[in-house]
Amino acid sequence: MENEIVDLENKVVDMLKTIYDPEIPVDIFELGLIYEVQIDEDRNVEIQMTLTSPNCPVAESLPKEVEEKVSSIEGIIKAHVNIVFDPPWDKDMMSEEAKLELGFL
């Protein structure tokens, strides 16, 4: 069971890396918008994520896109996204790859 969960976690991360903030050419995982991914034994996924700002123009659509795409992964029963603003996102949360892509390095 534990190996299945780890495998599903990897699939979830891979899926998150296909979702982009429309204003920034970097995926939401590398941007550091995903704070936590939890998968319970029933294969339901709980994702803690933030947005680049509380007034983000995709505040409505992006969480829905994340839920839909993660729910579409074989083996996942349901995905739910909780939007949190604590801690607030800043560019230091981006991966080295994202910083390089956006010219911060």
PDB file of N, CA and C in Angstrom:
ATOM      1  N   MET A   1       0.833  -1.212   0.000  1.00  0.00           N
ATOM      2  CA  MET A   1       0.000   0.000   0.000  1.00  0.00           C
ATOM      3  C   MET A   1       0.866   1.260   0.000  1.00  0.00           C
ATOM      4  N   GLU A   2       1.918   1.248   0.833  1.00  0.00           N
ATOM      5  CA  GLU A   2       2.773   2.432   0.929  1.00  0.00           C
ATOM      6  C   GLU A   2       3.442   2.735  -0.412  1.00  0.00           C
ATOM      7  N   ASN A   3       3.899   1.683  -1.118  1.00  0.00           N
ATOM      8  CA  ASN A   3       4.515   1.891  -2.432  1.00  0.00           C
ATOM      9  C   ASN A   3       3.516   2.470  -3.420  1.00  0.00           C
ATOM     10  N   GLU A   4       2.248   2.026  -3.323  1.00  0.00           N
ATOM     11  CA  GLU A   4       1.202   2.563  -4.192  1.00  0.00           C
ATOM     12  C   GLU A   4       1.021   4.053  -3.951  1.00  0.00           C
ATOM     13  N   ILE A   5       1.014   4.451  -2.686  1.00  0.00           N
ATOM     14  CA  ILE A   5       0.832   5.865  -2.338  1.00  0.00           C
ATOM     15  C   ILE A   5       2.009   6.686  -2.861  1.00  0.00           C
ATOM     16  N   VAL A   6       3.229   6.191  -2.684  1.00  0.00           N
ATOM     17  CA  VAL A   6       4.413   6.903  -3.186  1.00  0.00           C
ATOM     18  C   VAL A   6       4.331   7.029  -4.711  1.00  0.00           C
ATOM     19  N   ASP A   7       3.917   5.959  -5.372  1.00  0.00           N
ATOM     20  CA  ASP A   7       3.761   5.977  -6.827  1.00  0.00           C
ATOM     21  C   ASP A   7       2.709   7.011  -7.233  1.00  0.00           C
ATOM     22  N   LEU A   8       1.584   7.038  -6.507  1.00  0.00           N
ATOM     23  CA  LEU A   8       0.547   8.033  -6.804  1.00  0.00           C
ATOM     24  C   LEU A   8       1.044   9.448  -6.542  1.00  0.00           C
ATOM     25  N   GLU A   9       1.810   9.642  -5.466  1.00  0.00           N
ATOM     26  CA  GLU A   9       2.372  10.972  -5.175  1.00  0.00           C
ATOM     27  C   GLU A   9       3.244  11.439  -6.337  1.00  0.00           C
ATOM     28  N   ASN A  10       4.065  10.527  -6.876  1.00  0.00           N
ATOM     29  CA  ASN A  10       4.917  10.880  -8.015  1.00  0.00           C
ATOM     30  C   ASN A  10       4.078  11.249  -9.233  1.00  0.00           C
ATOM     31  N   LYS A  11       2.992  10.515  -9.453  1.00  0.00           N
ATOM     32  CA  LYS A  11       2.103  10.820 -10.582  1.00  0.00           C
ATOM     33  C   LYS A  11       1.425  12.171 -10.392  1.00  0.00           C
ATOM     34  N   VAL A  12       1.038  12.473  -9.149  1.00  0.00           N
ATOM     35  CA  VAL A  12       0.408  13.768  -8.854  1.00  0.00           C
ATOM     36  C   VAL A  12       1.396  14.896  -9.139  1.00  0.00           C
ATOM     37  N   VAL A  13       2.636  14.750  -8.669  1.00  0.00           N
ATOM     38  CA  VAL A  13       3.658  15.782  -8.915  1.00  0.00           C
ATOM     39  C   VAL A  13       3.893  15.945 -10.419  1.00  0.00           C
ATOM     40  N   ASP A  14       3.986  14.820 -11.135  1.00  0.00           N
ATOM     41  CA  ASP A  14       4.166  14.899 -12.587  1.00  0.00           C
ATOM     42  C   ASP A  14       3.017  15.663 -13.244  1.00  0.00           C
ATOM     43  N   MET A  15       1.789  15.413 -12.771  1.00  0.00           N
ATOM     44  CA  MET A  15       0.625  16.113 -13.325  1.00  0.00           C
ATOM     45  C   MET A  15       0.682  17.599 -12.977  1.00  0.00           C
ATOM     46  N   LEU A  16       1.065  17.915 -11.739  1.00  0.00           N
ATOM     47  CA  LEU A  16       1.151  19.324 -11.325  1.00  0.00           C
ATOM     48  C   LEU A  16       2.157  20.082 -12.193  1.00  0.00           C
ATOM     49  N   LYS A  17       3.176  19.380 -12.661  1.00  0.00           N
ATOM     50  CA  LYS A  17       4.198  20.009 -13.505  1.00  0.00           C
ATOM     51  C   LYS A  17       3.697  20.269 -14.925  1.00  0.00           C
ATOM     52  N   THR A  18       2.456  19.859 -15.238  1.00  0.00           N
ATOM     53  CA  THR A  18       1.876  20.157 -16.557  1.00  0.00           C
ATOM     54  C   THR A  18       0.927  21.346 -16.488  1.00  0.00           C
ATOM     55  N   ILE A  19       0.742  21.914 -15.288  1.00  0.00           N
ATOM     56  CA  ILE A  19      -0.203  23.016 -15.091  1.00  0.00           C
ATOM     57  C   ILE A  19       0.586  24.312 -14.904  1.00  0.00           C
ATOM     58  N   TYR A  20       0.246  25.300 -15.715  1.00  0.00           N
ATOM     59  CA  TYR A  20       0.992  26.554 -15.706  1.00  0.00           C
ATOM     60  C   TYR A  20       0.131  27.719 -15.255  1.00  0.00           C
ATOM     61  N   ASP A  21       0.763  28.635 -14.532  1.00  0.00           N
ATOM     62  CA  ASP A  21       0.151  29.928 -14.266  1.00  0.00           C
ATOM     63  C   ASP A  21       0.163  30.642 -15.612  1.00  0.00           C
ATOM     64  N   PRO A  22      -0.989  31.088 -16.114  1.00  0.00           N
ATOM     65  CA  PRO A  22      -1.029  31.664 -17.465  1.00  0.00           C
ATOM     66  C   PRO A  22      -0.167  32.923 -17.646  1.00  0.00           C
ATOM     67  N   GLU A  23       0.187  33.574 -16.549  1.00  0.00           N
ATOM     68  CA  GLU A  23       0.977  34.800 -16.667  1.00  0.00           C
ATOM     69  C   GLU A  23       2.474  34.544 -16.564  1.00  0.00           C
ATOM     70  N   ILE A  24       2.856  33.331 -16.162  1.00  0.00           N
ATOM     71  CA  ILE A  24       4.270  33.020 -15.927  1.00  0.00           C
ATOM     72  C   ILE A  24       4.590  31.712 -16.646  1.00  0.00           C
ATOM     73  N   PRO A  25       5.628  31.672 -17.466  1.00  0.00           N
ATOM     74  CA  PRO A  25       5.909  30.460 -18.247  1.00  0.00           C
ATOM     75  C   PRO A  25       6.609  29.347 -17.467  1.00  0.00           C
ATOM     76  N   VAL A  26       6.134  29.094 -16.243  1.00  0.00           N
ATOM     77  CA  VAL A  26       6.711  28.068 -15.379  1.00  0.00           C
ATOM     78  C   VAL A  26       5.544  27.333 -14.730  1.00  0.00           C
ATOM     79  N   ASP A  27       5.692  26.001 -14.560  1.00  0.00           N
ATOM     80  CA  ASP A  27       4.582  25.246 -13.973  1.00  0.00           C
ATOM     81  C   ASP A  27       4.405  25.576 -12.487  1.00  0.00           C
ATOM     82  N   ILE A  28       3.209  25.280 -11.983  1.00  0.00           N
ATOM     83  CA  ILE A  28       2.864  25.681 -10.616  1.00  0.00           C
ATOM     84  C   ILE A  28       3.692  24.960  -9.552  1.00  0.00           C
ATOM     85  N   PHE A  29       4.186  23.761  -9.868  1.00  0.00           N
ATOM     86  CA  PHE A  29       5.015  23.031  -8.900  1.00  0.00           C
ATOM     87  C   PHE A  29       6.376  23.711  -8.761  1.00  0.00           C
ATOM     88  N   GLU A  30       7.024  23.991  -9.894  1.00  0.00           N
ATOM     89  CA  GLU A  30       8.341  24.649  -9.871  1.00  0.00           C
ATOM     90  C   GLU A  30       8.241  26.087  -9.355  1.00  0.00           C
ATOM     91  N   LEU A  31       7.072  26.712  -9.529  1.00  0.00           N
ATOM     92  CA  LEU A  31       6.871  28.063  -8.999  1.00  0.00           C
ATOM     93  C   LEU A  31       6.805  28.074  -7.473  1.00  0.00           C
ATOM     94  N   GLY A  32       6.575  26.907  -6.892  1.00  0.00           N
ATOM     95  CA  GLY A  32       6.471  26.841  -5.431  1.00  0.00           C
ATOM     96  C   GLY A  32       5.065  27.126  -4.930  1.00  0.00           C
ATOM     97  N   LEU A  33       4.062  27.014  -5.806  1.00  0.00           N
ATOM     98  CA  LEU A  33       2.686  27.279  -5.393  1.00  0.00           C
ATOM     99  C   LEU A  33       2.059  26.099  -4.654  1.00  0.00           C
ATOM    100  N   ILE A  34       2.666  24.916  -4.774  1.00  0.00           N
ATOM    101  CA  ILE A  34       2.145  23.725  -4.096  1.00  0.00           C
ATOM    102  C   ILE A  34       2.881  23.573  -2.771  1.00  0.00           C
ATOM    103  N   TYR A  35       2.145  23.686  -1.682  1.00  0.00           N
ATOM    104  CA  TYR A  35       2.746  23.575  -0.354  1.00  0.00           C
ATOM    105  C   TYR A  35       2.747  22.137   0.153  1.00  0.00           C
ATOM    106  N   GLU A  36       1.685  21.391  -0.158  1.00  0.00           N
ATOM    107  CA  GLU A  36       1.597  20.045   0.389  1.00  0.00           C
ATOM    108  C   GLU A  36       0.653  19.200  -0.454  1.00  0.00           C
ATOM    109  N   VAL A  37       1.015  17.928  -0.620  1.00  0.00           N
ATOM    110  CA  VAL A  37       0.156  16.943  -1.282  1.00  0.00           C
ATOM    111  C   VAL A  37       0.008  15.778  -0.320  1.00  0.00           C
ATOM    112  N   GLN A  38      -1.234  15.456   0.044  1.00  0.00           N
ATOM    113  CA  GLN A  38      -1.487  14.325   0.931  1.00  0.00           C
ATOM    114  C   GLN A  38      -2.443  13.371   0.230  1.00  0.00           C
ATOM    115  N   ILE A  39      -2.130  12.088   0.292  1.00  0.00           N
ATOM    116  CA  ILE A  39      -3.000  11.063  -0.279  1.00  0.00           C
ATOM    117  C   ILE A  39      -3.372  10.120   0.854  1.00  0.00           C
ATOM    118  N   ASP A  40      -4.688   9.965   1.082  1.00  0.00           N
ATOM    119  CA  ASP A  40      -5.104   9.058   2.149  1.00  0.00           C
ATOM    120  C   ASP A  40      -5.203   7.626   1.617  1.00  0.00           C
ATOM    121  N   GLU A  41      -5.485   6.683   2.507  1.00  0.00           N
ATOM    122  CA  GLU A  41      -5.501   5.278   2.096  1.00  0.00           C
ATOM    123  C   GLU A  41      -6.648   4.956   1.147  1.00  0.00           C
ATOM    124  N   ASP A  42      -7.644   5.851   1.068  1.00  0.00           N
ATOM    125  CA  ASP A  42      -8.737   5.668   0.107  1.00  0.00           C
ATOM    126  C   ASP A  42      -8.402   6.292  -1.252  1.00  0.00           C
ATOM    127  N   ARG A  43      -7.187   6.815  -1.363  1.00  0.00           N
ATOM    128  CA  ARG A  43      -6.676   7.434  -2.594  1.00  0.00           C
ATOM    129  C   ARG A  43      -7.358   8.760  -2.944  1.00  0.00           C
ATOM    130  N   ASN A  44      -7.747   9.487  -1.913  1.00  0.00           N
ATOM    131  CA  ASN A  44      -8.226  10.851  -2.084  1.00  0.00           C
ATOM    132  C   ASN A  44      -7.028  11.769  -1.868  1.00  0.00           C
ATOM    133  N   VAL A  45      -6.933  12.809  -2.682  1.00  0.00           N
ATOM    134  CA  VAL A  45      -5.794  13.712  -2.621  1.00  0.00           C
ATOM    135  C   VAL A  45      -6.234  15.058  -2.059  1.00  0.00           C
ATOM    136  N   GLU A  46      -5.470  15.548  -1.115  1.00  0.00           N
ATOM    137  CA  GLU A  46      -5.681  16.874  -0.529  1.00  0.00           C
ATOM    138  C   GLU A  46      -4.441  17.690  -0.871  1.00  0.00           C
ATOM    139  N   ILE A  47      -4.643  18.818  -1.548  1.00  0.00           N
ATOM    140  CA  ILE A  47      -3.523  19.655  -1.978  1.00  0.00           C
ATOM    141  C   ILE A  47      -3.648  21.023  -1.321  1.00  0.00           C
ATOM    142  N   GLN A  48      -2.567  21.430  -0.651  1.00  0.00           N
ATOM    143  CA  GLN A  48      -2.481  22.787  -0.113  1.00  0.00           C
ATOM    144  C   GLN A  48      -1.687  23.602  -1.122  1.00  0.00           C
ATOM    145  N   MET A  49      -2.304  24.633  -1.652  1.00  0.00           N
ATOM    146  CA  MET A  49      -1.572  25.463  -2.613  1.00  0.00           C
ATOM    147  C   MET A  49      -1.896  26.925  -2.373  1.00  0.00           C
ATOM    148  N   THR A  50      -1.065  27.766  -2.944  1.00  0.00           N
ATOM    149  CA  THR A  50      -1.275  29.193  -2.857  1.00  0.00           C
ATOM    150  C   THR A  50      -1.297  29.760  -4.263  1.00  0.00           C
ATOM    151  N   LEU A  51      -1.487  31.045  -4.350  1.00  0.00           N
ATOM    152  CA  LEU A  51      -1.439  31.759  -5.621  1.00  0.00           C
ATOM    153  C   LEU A  51      -0.359  32.822  -5.505  1.00  0.00           C
ATOM    154  N   THR A  52       0.092  33.333  -6.633  1.00  0.00           N
ATOM    155  CA  THR A  52       1.153  34.339  -6.577  1.00  0.00           C
ATOM    156  C   THR A  52       0.687  35.595  -5.856  1.00  0.00           C
ATOM    157  N   SER A  53      -0.635  35.848  -5.867  1.00  0.00           N
ATOM    158  CA  SER A  53      -1.190  36.953  -5.080  1.00  0.00           C
ATOM    159  C   SER A  53      -2.664  36.656  -4.820  1.00  0.00           C
ATOM    160  N   PRO A  54      -3.226  37.228  -3.745  1.00  0.00           N
ATOM    161  CA  PRO A  54      -4.646  37.004  -3.464  1.00  0.00           C
ATOM    162  C   PRO A  54      -5.558  37.504  -4.590  1.00  0.00           C
ATOM    163  N   ASN A  55      -5.080  38.463  -5.362  1.00  0.00           N
ATOM    164  CA  ASN A  55      -5.874  39.024  -6.461  1.00  0.00           C
ATOM    165  C   ASN A  55      -5.563  38.371  -7.799  1.00  0.00           C
ATOM    166  N   CYS A  56      -4.922  37.214  -7.767  1.00  0.00           N
ATOM    167  CA  CYS A  56      -4.532  36.502  -8.971  1.00  0.00           C
ATOM    168  C   CYS A  56      -5.742  36.312  -9.893  1.00  0.00           C
ATOM    169  N   PRO A  57      -5.607  36.659 -11.189  1.00  0.00           N
ATOM    170  CA  PRO A  57      -6.742  36.548 -12.104  1.00  0.00           C
ATOM    171  C   PRO A  57      -7.249  35.117 -12.299  1.00  0.00           C
ATOM    172  N   VAL A  58      -6.450  34.111 -11.972  1.00  0.00           N
ATOM    173  CA  VAL A  58      -6.885  32.723 -12.140  1.00  0.00           C
ATOM    174  C   VAL A  58      -7.284  32.081 -10.807  1.00  0.00           C
ATOM    175  N   ALA A  59      -7.600  32.917  -9.812  1.00  0.00           N
ATOM    176  CA  ALA A  59      -7.949  32.408  -8.484  1.00  0.00           C
ATOM    177  C   ALA A  59      -9.126  31.440  -8.533  1.00  0.00           C
ATOM    178  N   GLU A  60     -10.040  31.631  -9.469  1.00  0.00           N
ATOM    179  CA  GLU A  60     -11.184  30.731  -9.596  1.00  0.00           C
ATOM    180  C   GLU A  60     -10.845  29.504 -10.427  1.00  0.00           C
ATOM    181  N   SER A  61     -10.198  29.714 -11.567  1.00  0.00           N
ATOM    182  CA  SER A  61     -10.012  28.624 -12.531  1.00  0.00           C
ATOM    183  C   SER A  61      -8.838  27.701 -12.217  1.00  0.00           C
ATOM    184  N   LEU A  62      -7.747  28.220 -11.676  1.00  0.00           N
ATOM    185  CA  LEU A  62      -6.560  27.392 -11.452  1.00  0.00           C
ATOM    186  C   LEU A  62      -6.803  26.251 -10.458  1.00  0.00           C
ATOM    187  N   PRO A  63      -7.401  26.508  -9.287  1.00  0.00           N
ATOM    188  CA  PRO A  63      -7.661  25.385  -8.368  1.00  0.00           C
ATOM    189  C   PRO A  63      -8.565  24.319  -8.994  1.00  0.00           C
ATOM    190  N   LYS A  64      -9.564  24.737  -9.766  1.00  0.00           N
ATOM    191  CA  LYS A  64     -10.450  23.780 -10.446  1.00  0.00           C
ATOM    192  C   LYS A  64      -9.663  22.941 -11.447  1.00  0.00           C
ATOM    193  N   GLU A  65      -8.757  23.587 -12.189  1.00  0.00           N
ATOM    194  CA  GLU A  65      -7.929  22.859 -13.157  1.00  0.00           C
ATOM    195  C   GLU A  65      -7.053  21.824 -12.432  1.00  0.00           C
ATOM    196  N   VAL A  66      -6.475  22.217 -11.299  1.00  0.00           N
ATOM    197  CA  VAL A  66      -5.640  21.294 -10.514  1.00  0.00           C
ATOM    198  C   VAL A  66      -6.486  20.101 -10.058  1.00  0.00           C
ATOM    199  N   GLU A  67      -7.670  20.378  -9.510  1.00  0.00           N
ATOM    200  CA  GLU A  67      -8.534  19.288  -9.044  1.00  0.00           C
ATOM    201  C   GLU A  67      -8.911  18.347 -10.188  1.00  0.00           C
ATOM    202  N   GLU A  68      -9.295  18.918 -11.331  1.00  0.00           N
ATOM    203  CA  GLU A  68      -9.712  18.093 -12.468  1.00  0.00           C
ATOM    204  C   GLU A  68      -8.568  17.228 -12.984  1.00  0.00           C
ATOM    205  N   LYS A  69      -7.410  17.822 -13.157  1.00  0.00           N
ATOM    206  CA  LYS A  69      -6.281  17.066 -13.714  1.00  0.00           C
ATOM    207  C   LYS A  69      -5.791  15.990 -12.741  1.00  0.00           C
ATOM    208  N   VAL A  70      -5.697  16.323 -11.458  1.00  0.00           N
ATOM    209  CA  VAL A  70      -5.233  15.334 -10.480  1.00  0.00           C
ATOM    210  C   VAL A  70      -6.286  14.223 -10.336  1.00  0.00           C
ATOM    211  N   SER A  71      -7.573  14.578 -10.373  1.00  0.00           N
ATOM    212  CA  SER A  71      -8.629  13.565 -10.288  1.00  0.00           C
ATOM    213  C   SER A  71      -8.609  12.612 -11.478  1.00  0.00           C
ATOM    214  N   SER A  72      -8.058  13.072 -12.600  1.00  0.00           N
ATOM    215  CA  SER A  72      -8.039  12.243 -13.807  1.00  0.00           C
ATOM    216  C   SER A  72      -6.940  11.170 -13.778  1.00  0.00           C
ATOM    217  N   ILE A  73      -6.050  11.239 -12.799  1.00  0.00           N
ATOM    218  CA  ILE A  73      -4.968  10.252 -12.699  1.00  0.00           C
ATOM    219  C   ILE A  73      -5.564   8.904 -12.307  1.00  0.00           C
ATOM    220  N   GLU A  74      -5.168   7.874 -13.030  1.00  0.00           N
ATOM    221  CA  GLU A  74      -5.654   6.531 -12.726  1.00  0.00           C
ATOM    222  C   GLU A  74      -5.259   6.147 -11.305  1.00  0.00           C
ATOM    223  N   GLY A  75      -6.236   5.691 -10.534  1.00  0.00           N
ATOM    224  CA  GLY A  75      -5.974   5.301  -9.153  1.00  0.00           C
ATOM    225  C   GLY A  75      -6.382   6.359  -8.143  1.00  0.00           C
ATOM    226  N   ILE A  76      -6.556   7.608  -8.592  1.00  0.00           N
ATOM    227  CA  ILE A  76      -6.995   8.677  -7.694  1.00  0.00           C
ATOM    228  C   ILE A  76      -8.518   8.707  -7.697  1.00  0.00           C
ATOM    229  N   ILE A  77      -9.114   8.705  -6.515  1.00  0.00           N
ATOM    230  CA  ILE A  77     -10.571   8.741  -6.406  1.00  0.00           C
ATOM    231  C   ILE A  77     -11.069  10.178  -6.554  1.00  0.00           C
ATOM    232  N   LYS A  78     -10.489  11.078  -5.779  1.00  0.00           N
ATOM    233  CA  LYS A  78     -10.954  12.464  -5.769  1.00  0.00           C
ATOM    234  C   LYS A  78      -9.798  13.366  -5.336  1.00  0.00           C
ATOM    235  N   ALA A  79      -9.778  14.577  -5.886  1.00  0.00           N
ATOM    236  CA  ALA A  79      -8.768  15.559  -5.478  1.00  0.00           C
ATOM    237  C   ALA A  79      -9.481  16.811  -4.978  1.00  0.00           C
ATOM    238  N   HIS A  80      -8.911  17.400  -3.950  1.00  0.00           N
ATOM    239  CA  HIS A  80      -9.453  18.648  -3.416  1.00  0.00           C
ATOM    240  C   HIS A  80      -8.301  19.614  -3.176  1.00  0.00           C
ATOM    241  N   VAL A  81      -8.488  20.859  -3.586  1.00  0.00           N
ATOM    242  CA  VAL A  81      -7.471  21.898  -3.404  1.00  0.00           C
ATOM    243  C   VAL A  81      -7.930  22.874  -2.336  1.00  0.00           C
ATOM    244  N   ASN A  82      -7.064  23.123  -1.376  1.00  0.00           N
ATOM    245  CA  ASN A  82      -7.276  24.185  -0.387  1.00  0.00           C
ATOM    246  C   ASN A  82      -6.331  25.317  -0.738  1.00  0.00           C
ATOM    247  N   ILE A  83      -6.884  26.496  -0.962  1.00  0.00           N
ATOM    248  CA  ILE A  83      -6.049  27.670  -1.236  1.00  0.00           C
ATOM    249  C   ILE A  83      -5.697  28.307   0.107  1.00  0.00           C
ATOM    250  N   VAL A  84      -4.406  28.494   0.322  1.00  0.00           N
ATOM    251  CA  VAL A  84      -3.934  29.117   1.555  1.00  0.00           C
ATOM    252  C   VAL A  84      -3.006  30.283   1.204  1.00  0.00           C
ATOM    253  N   PHE A  85      -2.989  31.273   2.055  1.00  0.00           N
ATOM    254  CA  PHE A  85      -2.100  32.422   1.829  1.00  0.00           C
ATOM    255  C   PHE A  85      -1.119  32.611   2.974  1.00  0.00           C
ATOM    256  N   ASP A  86      -0.978  31.569   3.785  1.00  0.00           N
ATOM    257  CA  ASP A  86      -0.036  31.615   4.892  1.00  0.00           C
ATOM    258  C   ASP A  86       0.802  30.348   4.848  1.00  0.00           C
ATOM    259  N   PRO A  87       2.075  30.407   4.579  1.00  0.00           N
ATOM    260  CA  PRO A  87       2.836  31.646   4.354  1.00  0.00           C
ATOM    261  C   PRO A  87       2.563  32.216   2.970  1.00  0.00           C
ATOM    262  N   PRO A  88       2.654  33.543   2.848  1.00  0.00           N
ATOM    263  CA  PRO A  88       2.456  34.147   1.535  1.00  0.00           C
ATOM    264  C   PRO A  88       3.559  33.719   0.569  1.00  0.00           C
ATOM    265  N   TRP A  89       3.182  33.554  -0.678  1.00  0.00           N
ATOM    266  CA  TRP A  89       4.142  33.151  -1.706  1.00  0.00           C
ATOM    267  C   TRP A  89       5.094  34.303  -2.003  1.00  0.00           C
ATOM    268  N   ASP A  90       6.365  33.971  -2.226  1.00  0.00           N
ATOM    269  CA  ASP A  90       7.301  34.937  -2.814  1.00  0.00           C
ATOM    270  C   ASP A  90       8.272  34.188  -3.712  1.00  0.00           C
ATOM    271  N   LYS A  91       9.037  34.928  -4.477  1.00  0.00           N
ATOM    272  CA  LYS A  91       9.867  34.290  -5.515  1.00  0.00           C
ATOM    273  C   LYS A  91      10.947  33.367  -4.944  1.00  0.00           C
ATOM    274  N   ASP A  92      11.247  33.471  -3.669  1.00  0.00           N
ATOM    275  CA  ASP A  92      12.231  32.571  -3.063  1.00  0.00           C
ATOM    276  C   ASP A  92      11.714  31.136  -2.963  1.00  0.00           C
ATOM    277  N   MET A  93      10.409  30.951  -3.141  1.00  0.00           N
ATOM    278  CA  MET A  93       9.821  29.610  -3.087  1.00  0.00           C
ATOM    279  C   MET A  93       9.961  28.862  -4.411  1.00  0.00           C
ATOM    280  N   MET A  94      10.400  29.567  -5.439  1.00  0.00           N
ATOM    281  CA  MET A  94      10.570  28.932  -6.745  1.00  0.00           C
ATOM    282  C   MET A  94      11.783  28.009  -6.734  1.00  0.00           C
ATOM    283  N   SER A  95      11.708  26.974  -7.561  1.00  0.00           N
ATOM    284  CA  SER A  95      12.855  26.078  -7.722  1.00  0.00           C
ATOM    285  C   SER A  95      13.962  26.823  -8.466  1.00  0.00           C
ATOM    286  N   GLU A  96      15.167  26.270  -8.402  1.00  0.00           N
ATOM    287  CA  GLU A  96      16.285  26.857  -9.153  1.00  0.00           C
ATOM    288  C   GLU A  96      15.946  26.918 -10.640  1.00  0.00           C
ATOM    289  N   GLU A  97      15.297  25.853 -11.121  1.00  0.00           N
ATOM    290  CA  GLU A  97      14.914  25.781 -12.537  1.00  0.00           C
ATOM    291  C   GLU A  97      13.970  26.938 -12.908  1.00  0.00           C
ATOM    292  N   ALA A  98      13.001  27.210 -12.054  1.00  0.00           N
ATOM    293  CA  ALA A  98      12.061  28.305 -12.318  1.00  0.00           C
ATOM    294  C   ALA A  98      12.773  29.657 -12.282  1.00  0.00           C
ATOM    295  N   LYS A  99      13.631  29.830 -11.297  1.00  0.00           N
ATOM    296  CA  LYS A  99      14.368  31.099 -11.191  1.00  0.00           C
ATOM    297  C   LYS A  99      15.234  31.331 -12.426  1.00  0.00           C
ATOM    298  N   LEU A 100      15.862  30.261 -12.914  1.00  0.00           N
ATOM    299  CA  LEU A 100      16.687  30.358 -14.107  1.00  0.00           C
ATOM    300  C   LEU A 100      15.830  30.720 -15.317  1.00  0.00           C
ATOM    301  N   GLU A 101      14.682  30.034 -15.457  1.00  0.00           N
ATOM    302  CA  GLU A 101      13.760  30.274 -16.570  1.00  0.00           C
ATOM    303  C   GLU A 101      13.286  31.726 -16.601  1.00  0.00           C
ATOM    304  N   LEU A 102      13.048  32.303 -15.423  1.00  0.00           N
ATOM    305  CA  LEU A 102      12.513  33.659 -15.344  1.00  0.00           C
ATOM    306  C   LEU A 102      13.605  34.727 -15.209  1.00  0.00           C
ATOM    307  N   GLY A 103      14.859  34.309 -15.252  1.00  0.00           N
ATOM    308  CA  GLY A 103      15.961  35.263 -15.238  1.00  0.00           C
ATOM    309  C   GLY A 103      16.320  35.801 -13.857  1.00  0.00           C
ATOM    310  N   PHE A 104      15.949  35.077 -12.792  1.00  0.00           N
ATOM    311  CA  PHE A 104      16.294  35.515 -11.442  1.00  0.00           C
ATOM    312  C   PHE A 104      17.667  35.016 -11.013  1.00  0.00           C
ATOM    313  N   LEU A 105      18.298  34.166 -11.823  1.00  0.00           N
ATOM    314  CA  LEU A 105      19.639  33.652 -11.478  1.00  0.00           C
ATOM    315  C   LEU A 105      20.651  34.164 -12.468  1.00  0.00           C
TER     316      LEU A 105
END
